[in-house]
Amino acid sequence: MTKVAYEAPVLRAHGKVEAVTKGGTTGTSLDAAFPVGTPFSDVTLS
């Protein structure tokens, strides 16, 4: 089996974190653990 040369990872800038992850706002719907479009007000937290 031939050895493959190690290639170091490279860090690339793809924009602001908030824009890339949409982490800048809370939004009005929940994540994938709930049906699509479920509003926050429909969930009760205990």
C-alpha atoms as a PDB file:
ATOM      1  CA  MET A   1       0.000   0.000   0.000  1.00  0.00           C
ATOM      2  CA  THR A   2       1.429   3.423  -0.917  1.00  0.00           C
ATOM      3  CA  LYS A   3       1.574   6.203   1.605  1.00  0.00           C
ATOM      4  CA  VAL A   4      -0.214   9.432   0.761  1.00  0.00           C
ATOM      5  CA  ALA A   5       1.556  12.675   1.640  1.00  0.00           C
ATOM      6  CA  TYR A   6      -0.039  14.673   4.469  1.00  0.00           C
ATOM      7  CA  GLU A   7      -1.802  17.835   3.331  1.00  0.00           C
ATOM      8  CA  ALA A   8      -2.336  20.382   6.108  1.00  0.00           C
ATOM      9  CA  PRO A   9      -5.815  21.933   6.425  1.00  0.00           C
ATOM     10  CA  VAL A  10      -6.279  25.492   5.173  1.00  0.00           C
ATOM     11  CA  LEU A  11      -8.398  28.201   6.799  1.00  0.00           C
ATOM     12  CA  ARG A  12     -10.433  30.185   4.281  1.00  0.00           C
ATOM     13  CA  ALA A  13     -12.596  33.231   4.966  1.00  0.00           C
ATOM     14  CA  HIS A  14     -16.152  32.870   3.634  1.00  0.00           C
ATOM     15  CA  GLY A  15     -17.676  36.001   5.163  1.00  0.00           C
ATOM     16  CA  LYS A  16     -18.929  37.065   8.569  1.00  0.00           C
ATOM     17  CA  VAL A  17     -19.989  34.263  10.926  1.00  0.00           C
ATOM     18  CA  GLU A  18     -23.400  35.900  11.446  1.00  0.00           C
ATOM     19  CA  ALA A  19     -24.079  35.939   7.706  1.00  0.00           C
ATOM     20  CA  VAL A  20     -22.804  32.412   7.055  1.00  0.00           C
ATOM     21  CA  THR A  21     -24.676  30.774   9.964  1.00  0.00           C
ATOM     22  CA  LYS A  22     -27.600  33.209  10.099  1.00  0.00           C
ATOM     23  CA  GLY A  23     -26.709  33.428  13.792  1.00  0.00           C
ATOM     24  CA  GLY A  24     -27.342  37.163  13.924  1.00  0.00           C
ATOM     25  CA  THR A  25     -31.064  36.856  14.674  1.00  0.00           C
ATOM     26  CA  THR A  26     -33.360  34.561  16.624  1.00  0.00           C
ATOM     27  CA  GLY A  27     -36.014  34.167  13.934  1.00  0.00           C
ATOM     28  CA  THR A  28     -39.619  33.109  14.384  1.00  0.00           C
ATOM     29  CA  SER A  29     -39.494  29.322  13.905  1.00  0.00           C
ATOM     30  CA  LEU A  30     -37.782  26.429  15.688  1.00  0.00           C
ATOM     31  CA  ASP A  31     -35.077  24.051  14.441  1.00  0.00           C
ATOM     32  CA  ALA A  32     -35.216  20.573  12.904  1.00  0.00           C
ATOM     33  CA  ALA A  33     -36.426  18.931  16.152  1.00  0.00           C
ATOM     34  CA  PHE A  34     -39.908  20.325  15.426  1.00  0.00           C
ATOM     35  CA  PRO A  35     -42.152  20.269  12.343  1.00  0.00           C
ATOM     36  CA  VAL A  36     -41.339  22.939   9.742  1.00  0.00           C
ATOM     37  CA  GLY A  37     -42.718  26.364  10.624  1.00  0.00           C
ATOM     38  CA  THR A  38     -43.518  25.631  14.288  1.00  0.00           C
ATOM     39  CA  PRO A  39     -43.535  29.047  16.037  1.00  0.00           C
ATOM     40  CA  PHE A  40     -41.830  29.525  19.418  1.00  0.00           C
ATOM     41  CA  SER A  41     -45.158  30.338  21.033  1.00  0.00           C
ATOM     42  CA  ASP A  42     -46.434  26.766  20.370  1.00  0.00           C
ATOM     43  CA  VAL A  43     -43.747  25.219  22.604  1.00  0.00           C
ATOM     44  CA  THR A  44     -44.005  25.111  26.382  1.00  0.00           C
ATOM     45  CA  LEU A  45     -40.768  24.749  28.313  1.00  0.00           C
ATOM     46  CA  SER A  46     -40.817  23.295  31.796  1.00  0.00           C
END
